Amino acid sequence: MRSIRKTWPFFAAVATLLALLQIGYWMNPILFPSIPSVFERLGRSLGDERFWQSLGTSMYRLFIGYPIACVVAGFLGLIAGLYRGFALYMRRLIAILQSIPPIAWLPFLMIIFGFGDVPVILIVIYASFFPMALSVMNGAEGVVRTHIEVAKVLGANKAQLLRRVYLPETFPSFITGAQVAFGNAWRSLVAGEMVGSVMVGLGFASKFAGDVADMEGVIMYIIVIGVIATILDQVLLEKLKRKLLRWRYAGGGEER
């Protein structure tokens, strides 16, 4: 029963979206494809090498850029906990940069690095850096001052404070920031691929389908992009979070 209570909202949401698409087909079959035809198209695409090449290339860009952003942002967030001046500088810098949409940097990056993977990977890094850094910085500011003072009395230096006090106490913020950063990374990845700096990827495939008025292909890739994001975020990252922060869910507690 517990598993049913946790999963029915997700399946209800999916059913609602599919029903809306099917209603669109009934209202305008010329513009909207039927849901059965979309899934038939998906079944055929699973046997197409180009589909898997698009999926693999997008995953490659994501798994290069996203971890880099998490590691660098997490480290700088911890350093900001040690140095007040650096924390103020980081917050001002983030306030300026995060107001600029990641995709706005793509033409600039294409001029510098040309076409290919590098501009898209940098967009992914840029997009996922800010939520990760802010989460860790907020966690570092919430470290119990008594713990810091006790560690100093015991002779801890800056490196030991970072490793023995700040890192353990900001670990939940690190995990939460990584999950929030993933959403930014995934959306920016798809948007970057759609703009045109690459000729392969899920975003490019979706855009190409739109350019040739292939509505079946457009809807199919929208579904694929949504399913992959859900699997990576709500399944893999959520399970990892619950495993690493299992003390939060001890005794059957659930995150609200």
C-alpha atoms as a PDB file:
ATOM      1  CA  MET A   1       0.000   0.000   0.000  1.00  0.00           C
ATOM      2  CA  ARG A   2       2.809   2.397   0.812  1.00  0.00           C
ATOM      3  CA  SER A   3       4.427   1.917  -2.593  1.00  0.00           C
ATOM      4  CA  ILE A   4       1.073   2.506  -4.293  1.00  0.00           C
ATOM      5  CA  ARG A   5       0.569   5.767  -2.376  1.00  0.00           C
ATOM      6  CA  LYS A   6       4.004   6.947  -3.480  1.00  0.00           C
ATOM      7  CA  THR A   7       3.694   6.013  -7.168  1.00  0.00           C
ATOM      8  CA  TRP A   8       0.085   6.738  -8.102  1.00  0.00           C
ATOM      9  CA  PRO A   9       0.550  10.553  -8.357  1.00  0.00           C
ATOM     10  CA  PHE A  10       3.354  10.038 -10.881  1.00  0.00           C
ATOM     11  CA  PHE A  11       1.341   7.670 -13.062  1.00  0.00           C
ATOM     12  CA  ALA A  12      -1.710   9.916 -12.746  1.00  0.00           C
ATOM     13  CA  ALA A  13       0.349  12.888 -13.969  1.00  0.00           C
ATOM     14  CA  VAL A  14       1.697  10.884 -16.919  1.00  0.00           C
ATOM     15  CA  ALA A  15      -1.794   9.680 -17.817  1.00  0.00           C
ATOM     16  CA  THR A  16      -3.091  13.267 -17.709  1.00  0.00           C
ATOM     17  CA  LEU A  17      -0.430  14.494 -20.127  1.00  0.00           C
ATOM     18  CA  LEU A  18      -0.987  11.602 -22.524  1.00  0.00           C
ATOM     19  CA  ALA A  19      -4.736  12.160 -22.368  1.00  0.00           C
ATOM     20  CA  LEU A  20      -4.284  15.843 -23.273  1.00  0.00           C
ATOM     21  CA  LEU A  21      -2.180  14.874 -26.280  1.00  0.00           C
ATOM     22  CA  GLN A  22      -4.774  12.346 -27.391  1.00  0.00           C
ATOM     23  CA  ILE A  23      -7.532  14.943 -27.017  1.00  0.00           C
ATOM     24  CA  GLY A  24      -5.449  17.240 -29.213  1.00  0.00           C
ATOM     25  CA  TYR A  25      -5.364  14.495 -31.846  1.00  0.00           C
ATOM     26  CA  TRP A  26      -9.141  14.071 -31.706  1.00  0.00           C
ATOM     27  CA  MET A  27      -9.604  17.819 -32.097  1.00  0.00           C
ATOM     28  CA  ASN A  28      -7.019  18.291 -34.858  1.00  0.00           C
ATOM     29  CA  PRO A  29      -5.598  15.030 -36.294  1.00  0.00           C
ATOM     30  CA  ILE A  30      -3.667  16.958 -38.925  1.00  0.00           C
ATOM     31  CA  LEU A  31      -1.575  18.804 -36.339  1.00  0.00           C
ATOM     32  CA  PHE A  32      -1.435  16.324 -33.458  1.00  0.00           C
ATOM     33  CA  PRO A  33      -0.315  12.698 -33.758  1.00  0.00           C
ATOM     34  CA  SER A  34      -2.189   9.999 -31.877  1.00  0.00           C
ATOM     35  CA  ILE A  35      -0.543   8.526 -28.787  1.00  0.00           C
ATOM     36  CA  PRO A  36      -0.484   4.961 -30.230  1.00  0.00           C
ATOM     37  CA  SER A  37       1.304   6.212 -33.355  1.00  0.00           C
ATOM     38  CA  VAL A  38       3.883   8.042 -31.222  1.00  0.00           C
ATOM     39  CA  PHE A  39       4.688   4.885 -29.282  1.00  0.00           C
ATOM     40  CA  GLU A  40       4.846   2.894 -32.511  1.00  0.00           C
ATOM     41  CA  ARG A  41       7.360   5.451 -33.760  1.00  0.00           C
ATOM     42  CA  LEU A  42       9.323   5.081 -30.529  1.00  0.00           C
ATOM     43  CA  GLY A  43       9.380   1.312 -30.963  1.00  0.00           C
ATOM     44  CA  ARG A  44      10.832   1.694 -34.456  1.00  0.00           C
ATOM     45  CA  SER A  45      13.355   4.270 -33.250  1.00  0.00           C
ATOM     46  CA  LEU A  46      14.690   1.873 -30.611  1.00  0.00           C
ATOM     47  CA  GLY A  47      16.051  -0.180 -33.484  1.00  0.00           C
ATOM     48  CA  ASP A  48      17.599   2.840 -35.204  1.00  0.00           C
ATOM     49  CA  GLU A  49      21.312   3.439 -34.633  1.00  0.00           C
ATOM     50  CA  ARG A  50      20.853   7.205 -35.001  1.00  0.00           C
ATOM     51  CA  PHE A  51      18.480   7.289 -32.027  1.00  0.00           C
ATOM     52  CA  TRP A  52      21.019   5.599 -29.765  1.00  0.00           C
ATOM     53  CA  GLN A  53      23.776   7.839 -31.093  1.00  0.00           C
ATOM     54  CA  SER A  54      21.706  10.903 -30.139  1.00  0.00           C
ATOM     55  CA  LEU A  55      20.981   9.476 -26.689  1.00  0.00           C
ATOM     56  CA  GLY A  56      24.584   8.437 -26.062  1.00  0.00           C
ATOM     57  CA  THR A  57      25.987  11.793 -27.158  1.00  0.00           C
ATOM     58  CA  SER A  58      23.614  13.713 -24.883  1.00  0.00           C
ATOM     59  CA  MET A  59      24.502  11.469 -21.944  1.00  0.00           C
ATOM     60  CA  TYR A  60      28.206  11.987 -22.638  1.00  0.00           C
ATOM     61  CA  ARG A  61      27.832  15.772 -22.518  1.00  0.00           C
ATOM     62  CA  LEU A  62      25.750  15.592 -19.353  1.00  0.00           C
ATOM     63  CA  PHE A  63      28.087  13.229 -17.501  1.00  0.00           C
ATOM     64  CA  ILE A  64      31.095  15.408 -18.337  1.00  0.00           C
ATOM     65  CA  GLY A  65      29.646  18.815 -17.461  1.00  0.00           C
ATOM     66  CA  TYR A  66      27.373  18.019 -14.519  1.00  0.00           C
ATOM     67  CA  PRO A  67      29.953  16.303 -12.249  1.00  0.00           C
ATOM     68  CA  ILE A  68      32.521  19.025 -12.955  1.00  0.00           C
ATOM     69  CA  ALA A  69      30.029  21.695 -11.871  1.00  0.00           C
ATOM     70  CA  CYS A  70      29.085  19.772  -8.711  1.00  0.00           C
ATOM     71  CA  VAL A  71      32.697  19.238  -7.620  1.00  0.00           C
ATOM     72  CA  VAL A  72      33.903  22.783  -8.345  1.00  0.00           C
ATOM     73  CA  ALA A  73      30.792  24.465  -6.915  1.00  0.00           C
ATOM     74  CA  GLY A  74      30.830  22.240  -3.833  1.00  0.00           C
ATOM     75  CA  PHE A  75      34.492  23.007  -3.155  1.00  0.00           C
ATOM     76  CA  LEU A  76      34.037  26.768  -3.580  1.00  0.00           C
ATOM     77  CA  GLY A  77      30.943  26.657  -1.381  1.00  0.00           C
ATOM     78  CA  LEU A  78      32.962  25.022   1.405  1.00  0.00           C
ATOM     79  CA  ILE A  79      35.762  27.574   1.029  1.00  0.00           C
ATOM     80  CA  ALA A  80      33.147  30.326   1.325  1.00  0.00           C
ATOM     81  CA  GLY A  81      32.229  28.880   4.709  1.00  0.00           C
ATOM     82  CA  LEU A  82      35.780  29.430   5.931  1.00  0.00           C
ATOM     83  CA  TYR A  83      36.275  32.937   4.567  1.00  0.00           C
ATOM     84  CA  ARG A  84      33.555  35.524   5.028  1.00  0.00           C
ATOM     85  CA  GLY A  85      34.999  37.889   2.436  1.00  0.00           C
ATOM     86  CA  PHE A  86      35.101  35.165  -0.186  1.00  0.00           C
ATOM     87  CA  ALA A  87      31.485  34.228   0.630  1.00  0.00           C
ATOM     88  CA  LEU A  88      30.348  37.817   0.015  1.00  0.00           C
ATOM     89  CA  TYR A  89      32.288  37.908  -3.261  1.00  0.00           C
ATOM     90  CA  MET A  90      30.763  34.591  -4.406  1.00  0.00           C
ATOM     91  CA  ARG A  91      27.234  35.717  -3.622  1.00  0.00           C
ATOM     92  CA  ARG A  92      27.673  38.951  -5.576  1.00  0.00           C
ATOM     93  CA  LEU A  93      29.203  37.090  -8.511  1.00  0.00           C
ATOM     94  CA  ILE A  94      26.436  34.479  -8.528  1.00  0.00           C
ATOM     95  CA  ALA A  95      23.747  37.172  -8.264  1.00  0.00           C
ATOM     96  CA  ILE A  96      25.103  38.769 -11.441  1.00  0.00           C
ATOM     97  CA  LEU A  97      25.785  35.649 -13.483  1.00  0.00           C
ATOM     98  CA  GLN A  98      22.732  33.562 -12.659  1.00  0.00           C
ATOM     99  CA  SER A  99      20.483  36.347 -13.945  1.00  0.00           C
ATOM    100  CA  ILE A 100      21.882  35.643 -17.434  1.00  0.00           C
ATOM    101  CA  PRO A 101      20.204  32.604 -19.084  1.00  0.00           C
ATOM    102  CA  PRO A 102      22.810  29.903 -19.810  1.00  0.00           C
ATOM    103  CA  ILE A 103      21.745  29.654 -23.444  1.00  0.00           C
ATOM    104  CA  ALA A 104      22.623  33.346 -23.940  1.00  0.00           C
ATOM    105  CA  TRP A 105      26.301  32.391 -23.636  1.00  0.00           C
ATOM    106  CA  LEU A 106      26.166  29.816 -26.420  1.00  0.00           C
ATOM    107  CA  PRO A 107      26.920  32.173 -29.363  1.00  0.00           C
ATOM    108  CA  PHE A 108      29.876  33.568 -27.403  1.00  0.00           C
ATOM    109  CA  LEU A 109      31.178  30.068 -26.660  1.00  0.00           C
ATOM    110  CA  MET A 110      30.681  28.970 -30.257  1.00  0.00           C
ATOM    111  CA  ILE A 111      32.826  31.857 -31.467  1.00  0.00           C
ATOM    112  CA  ILE A 112      35.617  30.853 -29.079  1.00  0.00           C
ATOM    113  CA  PHE A 113      35.429  27.042 -29.264  1.00  0.00           C
ATOM    114  CA  GLY A 114      33.611  26.496 -32.547  1.00  0.00           C
ATOM    115  CA  PHE A 115      30.967  23.870 -33.166  1.00  0.00           C
ATOM    116  CA  GLY A 116      30.958  20.643 -31.208  1.00  0.00           C
ATOM    117  CA  ASP A 117      30.647  19.309 -27.682  1.00  0.00           C
ATOM    118  CA  VAL A 118      32.668  21.921 -25.780  1.00  0.00           C
ATOM    119  CA  PRO A 119      30.147  24.829 -25.919  1.00  0.00           C
ATOM    120  CA  VAL A 120      27.285  22.576 -24.802  1.00  0.00           C
ATOM    121  CA  ILE A 121      29.330  21.041 -21.978  1.00  0.00           C
ATOM    122  CA  LEU A 122      30.280  24.514 -20.763  1.00  0.00           C
ATOM    123  CA  ILE A 123      26.617  25.523 -20.830  1.00  0.00           C
ATOM    124  CA  VAL A 124      25.796  22.496 -18.666  1.00  0.00           C
ATOM    125  CA  ILE A 125      28.558  23.463 -16.213  1.00  0.00           C
ATOM    126  CA  TYR A 126      27.367  27.057 -16.081  1.00  0.00           C
ATOM    127  CA  ALA A 127      23.726  26.121 -15.525  1.00  0.00           C
ATOM    128  CA  SER A 128      24.349  23.603 -12.747  1.00  0.00           C
ATOM    129  CA  PHE A 129      27.077  25.544 -10.943  1.00  0.00           C
ATOM    130  CA  PHE A 130      24.899  28.174  -9.246  1.00  0.00           C
ATOM    131  CA  PRO A 131      22.307  26.043  -7.416  1.00  0.00           C
ATOM    132  CA  MET A 132      25.061  23.734  -6.238  1.00  0.00           C
ATOM    133  CA  ALA A 133      27.267  26.562  -4.964  1.00  0.00           C
ATOM    134  CA  LEU A 134      24.413  28.367  -3.231  1.00  0.00           C
ATOM    135  CA  SER A 135      23.183  25.201  -1.542  1.00  0.00           C
ATOM    136  CA  VAL A 136      26.616  24.376  -0.133  1.00  0.00           C
ATOM    137  CA  MET A 137      27.241  27.998   0.874  1.00  0.00           C
ATOM    138  CA  ASN A 138      23.931  28.104   2.739  1.00  0.00           C
ATOM    139  CA  GLY A 139      24.825  24.831   4.423  1.00  0.00           C
ATOM    140  CA  ALA A 140      28.256  26.166   5.390  1.00  0.00           C
ATOM    141  CA  GLU A 141      26.683  29.255   6.945  1.00  0.00           C
ATOM    142  CA  GLY A 142      24.472  26.978   9.025  1.00  0.00           C
ATOM    143  CA  VAL A 143      27.354  25.037  10.586  1.00  0.00           C
ATOM    144  CA  VAL A 144      27.031  25.095  14.377  1.00  0.00           C
ATOM    145  CA  ARG A 145      29.454  27.698  15.714  1.00  0.00           C
ATOM    146  CA  THR A 146      30.105  25.655  18.838  1.00  0.00           C
ATOM    147  CA  HIS A 147      31.527  22.837  16.717  1.00  0.00           C
ATOM    148  CA  ILE A 148      33.857  25.273  14.987  1.00  0.00           C
ATOM    149  CA  GLU A 149      35.055  26.798  18.233  1.00  0.00           C
ATOM    150  CA  VAL A 150      35.644  23.399  19.834  1.00  0.00           C
ATOM    151  CA  ALA A 151      37.657  22.276  16.807  1.00  0.00           C
ATOM    152  CA  LYS A 152      39.766  25.441  17.011  1.00  0.00           C
ATOM    153  CA  VAL A 153      40.389  24.915  20.712  1.00  0.00           C
ATOM    154  CA  LEU A 154      41.592  21.402  19.912  1.00  0.00           C
ATOM    155  CA  GLY A 155      44.073  22.894  17.449  1.00  0.00           C
ATOM    156  CA  ALA A 156      42.350  22.313  14.123  1.00  0.00           C
ATOM    157  CA  ASN A 157      43.740  24.308  11.206  1.00  0.00           C
ATOM    158  CA  LYS A 158      41.757  25.525   8.184  1.00  0.00           C
ATOM    159  CA  ALA A 159      42.149  22.269   6.259  1.00  0.00           C
ATOM    160  CA  GLN A 160      41.053  20.207   9.265  1.00  0.00           C
ATOM    161  CA  LEU A 161      38.082  22.489   9.869  1.00  0.00           C
ATOM    162  CA  LEU A 162      37.078  22.014   6.272  1.00  0.00           C
ATOM    163  CA  ARG A 163      37.425  18.237   6.393  1.00  0.00           C
ATOM    164  CA  ARG A 164      36.214  17.447   9.919  1.00  0.00           C
ATOM    165  CA  VAL A 165      33.547  20.107  10.538  1.00  0.00           C
ATOM    166  CA  TYR A 166      32.295  21.835   7.403  1.00  0.00           C
ATOM    167  CA  LEU A 167      32.235  18.848   5.056  1.00  0.00           C
ATOM    168  CA  PRO A 168      30.190  16.517   7.310  1.00  0.00           C
ATOM    169  CA  GLU A 169      27.715  19.221   8.319  1.00  0.00           C
ATOM    170  CA  THR A 170      27.168  20.517   4.771  1.00  0.00           C
ATOM    171  CA  PHE A 171      26.860  17.060   3.220  1.00  0.00           C
ATOM    172  CA  PRO A 172      23.018  17.147   3.163  1.00  0.00           C
ATOM    173  CA  SER A 173      23.200  20.519   1.400  1.00  0.00           C
ATOM    174  CA  PHE A 174      25.641  19.039  -1.093  1.00  0.00           C
ATOM    175  CA  ILE A 175      23.219  16.230  -1.953  1.00  0.00           C
ATOM    176  CA  THR A 176      20.235  18.569  -2.192  1.00  0.00           C
ATOM    177  CA  GLY A 177      22.183  21.031  -4.335  1.00  0.00           C
ATOM    178  CA  ALA A 178      23.269  18.249  -6.672  1.00  0.00           C
ATOM    179  CA  GLN A 179      19.661  17.214  -7.236  1.00  0.00           C
ATOM    180  CA  VAL A 180      18.536  20.783  -7.930  1.00  0.00           C
ATOM    181  CA  ALA A 181      21.548  21.349 -10.193  1.00  0.00           C
ATOM    182  CA  PHE A 182      20.635  18.315 -12.268  1.00  0.00           C
ATOM    183  CA  GLY A 183      17.371  19.917 -13.399  1.00  0.00           C
ATOM    184  CA  ASN A 184      19.245  22.999 -14.597  1.00  0.00           C
ATOM    185  CA  ALA A 185      21.906  20.875 -16.270  1.00  0.00           C
ATOM    186  CA  TRP A 186      19.401  18.744 -18.170  1.00  0.00           C
ATOM    187  CA  ARG A 187      17.304  21.656 -19.432  1.00  0.00           C
ATOM    188  CA  SER A 188      20.385  23.583 -20.543  1.00  0.00           C
ATOM    189  CA  LEU A 189      21.801  20.510 -22.269  1.00  0.00           C
ATOM    190  CA  VAL A 190      18.683  20.043 -24.382  1.00  0.00           C
ATOM    191  CA  ALA A 191      18.408  23.778 -25.116  1.00  0.00           C
ATOM    192  CA  GLY A 192      22.082  23.968 -26.092  1.00  0.00           C
ATOM    193  CA  GLU A 193      21.698  21.080 -28.501  1.00  0.00           C
ATOM    194  CA  MET A 194      18.630  22.687 -30.054  1.00  0.00           C
ATOM    195  CA  VAL A 195      20.270  26.025 -30.766  1.00  0.00           C
ATOM    196  CA  GLY A 196      22.588  24.522 -33.346  1.00  0.00           C
ATOM    197  CA  SER A 197      26.165  24.203 -32.103  1.00  0.00           C
ATOM    198  CA  VAL A 198      25.982  20.412 -32.595  1.00  0.00           C
ATOM    199  CA  MET A 199      24.572  18.055 -35.199  1.00  0.00           C
ATOM    200  CA  VAL A 200      23.704  15.151 -32.928  1.00  0.00           C
ATOM    201  CA  GLY A 201      21.905  14.820 -29.584  1.00  0.00           C
ATOM    202  CA  LEU A 202      18.370  14.581 -28.249  1.00  0.00           C
ATOM    203  CA  GLY A 203      17.835  18.335 -28.440  1.00  0.00           C
ATOM    204  CA  PHE A 204      19.082  18.490 -32.033  1.00  0.00           C
ATOM    205  CA  ALA A 205      16.944  15.492 -33.032  1.00  0.00           C
ATOM    206  CA  SER A 206      13.856  17.153 -31.560  1.00  0.00           C
ATOM    207  CA  LYS A 207      14.590  20.427 -33.337  1.00  0.00           C
ATOM    208  CA  PHE A 208      15.241  18.673 -36.637  1.00  0.00           C
ATOM    209  CA  ALA A 209      11.905  16.852 -36.350  1.00  0.00           C
ATOM    210  CA  GLY A 210      10.228  20.234 -35.840  1.00  0.00           C
ATOM    211  CA  ASP A 211      12.037  21.768 -38.812  1.00  0.00           C
ATOM    212  CA  VAL A 212      10.587  19.111 -41.126  1.00  0.00           C
ATOM    213  CA  ALA A 213       7.127  19.271 -39.476  1.00  0.00           C
ATOM    214  CA  ASP A 214       7.460  15.747 -38.095  1.00  0.00           C
ATOM    215  CA  MET A 215       5.055  16.072 -35.167  1.00  0.00           C
ATOM    216  CA  GLU A 216       5.308  12.384 -34.356  1.00  0.00           C
ATOM    217  CA  GLY A 217       9.048  12.782 -33.951  1.00  0.00           C
ATOM    218  CA  VAL A 218       8.698  15.971 -31.900  1.00  0.00           C
ATOM    219  CA  ILE A 219       6.286  14.374 -29.415  1.00  0.00           C
ATOM    220  CA  MET A 220       8.365  11.196 -29.292  1.00  0.00           C
ATOM    221  CA  TYR A 221      11.532  13.095 -28.367  1.00  0.00           C
ATOM    222  CA  ILE A 222       9.645  15.186 -25.813  1.00  0.00           C
ATOM    223  CA  ILE A 223       8.539  11.945 -24.164  1.00  0.00           C
ATOM    224  CA  VAL A 224      12.058  10.476 -24.330  1.00  0.00           C
ATOM    225  CA  ILE A 225      13.603  13.626 -22.827  1.00  0.00           C
ATOM    226  CA  GLY A 226      11.030  13.657 -20.023  1.00  0.00           C
ATOM    227  CA  VAL A 227      11.397   9.952 -19.257  1.00  0.00           C
ATOM    228  CA  ILE A 228      15.196  10.107 -19.090  1.00  0.00           C
ATOM    229  CA  ALA A 229      15.100  13.166 -16.824  1.00  0.00           C
ATOM    230  CA  THR A 230      12.604  11.415 -14.539  1.00  0.00           C
ATOM    231  CA  ILE A 231      14.704   8.254 -14.342  1.00  0.00           C
ATOM    232  CA  LEU A 232      17.918  10.141 -13.594  1.00  0.00           C
ATOM    233  CA  ASP A 233      16.376  12.572 -11.104  1.00  0.00           C
ATOM    234  CA  GLN A 234      13.470  10.847  -9.382  1.00  0.00           C
ATOM    235  CA  VAL A 235      14.905   7.330  -9.466  1.00  0.00           C
ATOM    236  CA  LEU A 236      18.717   7.360  -9.467  1.00  0.00           C
ATOM    237  CA  LEU A 237      19.436  10.651  -7.676  1.00  0.00           C
ATOM    238  CA  GLU A 238      16.532  10.214  -5.268  1.00  0.00           C
ATOM    239  CA  LYS A 239      17.667   6.708  -4.316  1.00  0.00           C
ATOM    240  CA  LEU A 240      21.239   7.930  -3.926  1.00  0.00           C
ATOM    241  CA  LYS A 241      20.034  10.758  -1.677  1.00  0.00           C
ATOM    242  CA  ARG A 242      18.029   8.386   0.497  1.00  0.00           C
ATOM    243  CA  LYS A 243      20.987   6.017   0.759  1.00  0.00           C
ATOM    244  CA  LEU A 244      23.521   8.708   1.667  1.00  0.00           C
ATOM    245  CA  LEU A 245      21.089  10.492   3.990  1.00  0.00           C
ATOM    246  CA  ARG A 246      19.376   7.362   5.296  1.00  0.00           C
ATOM    247  CA  TRP A 247      19.360   8.776   8.825  1.00  0.00           C
ATOM    248  CA  ARG A 248      16.787  11.324   7.644  1.00  0.00           C
ATOM    249  CA  TYR A 249      14.431   8.545   6.632  1.00  0.00           C
ATOM    250  CA  ALA A 250      15.052   6.216   9.579  1.00  0.00           C
ATOM    251  CA  GLY A 251      11.897   4.796  11.064  1.00  0.00           C
ATOM    252  CA  GLY A 252       9.962   5.136   7.820  1.00  0.00           C
ATOM    253  CA  GLY A 253      10.070   8.926   7.634  1.00  0.00           C
ATOM    254  CA  GLU A 254       9.332  10.356   4.218  1.00  0.00           C
ATOM    255  CA  GLU A 255      10.432  13.552   2.601  1.00  0.00           C
ATOM    256  CA  ARG A 256       7.555  15.906   2.090  1.00  0.00           C
END
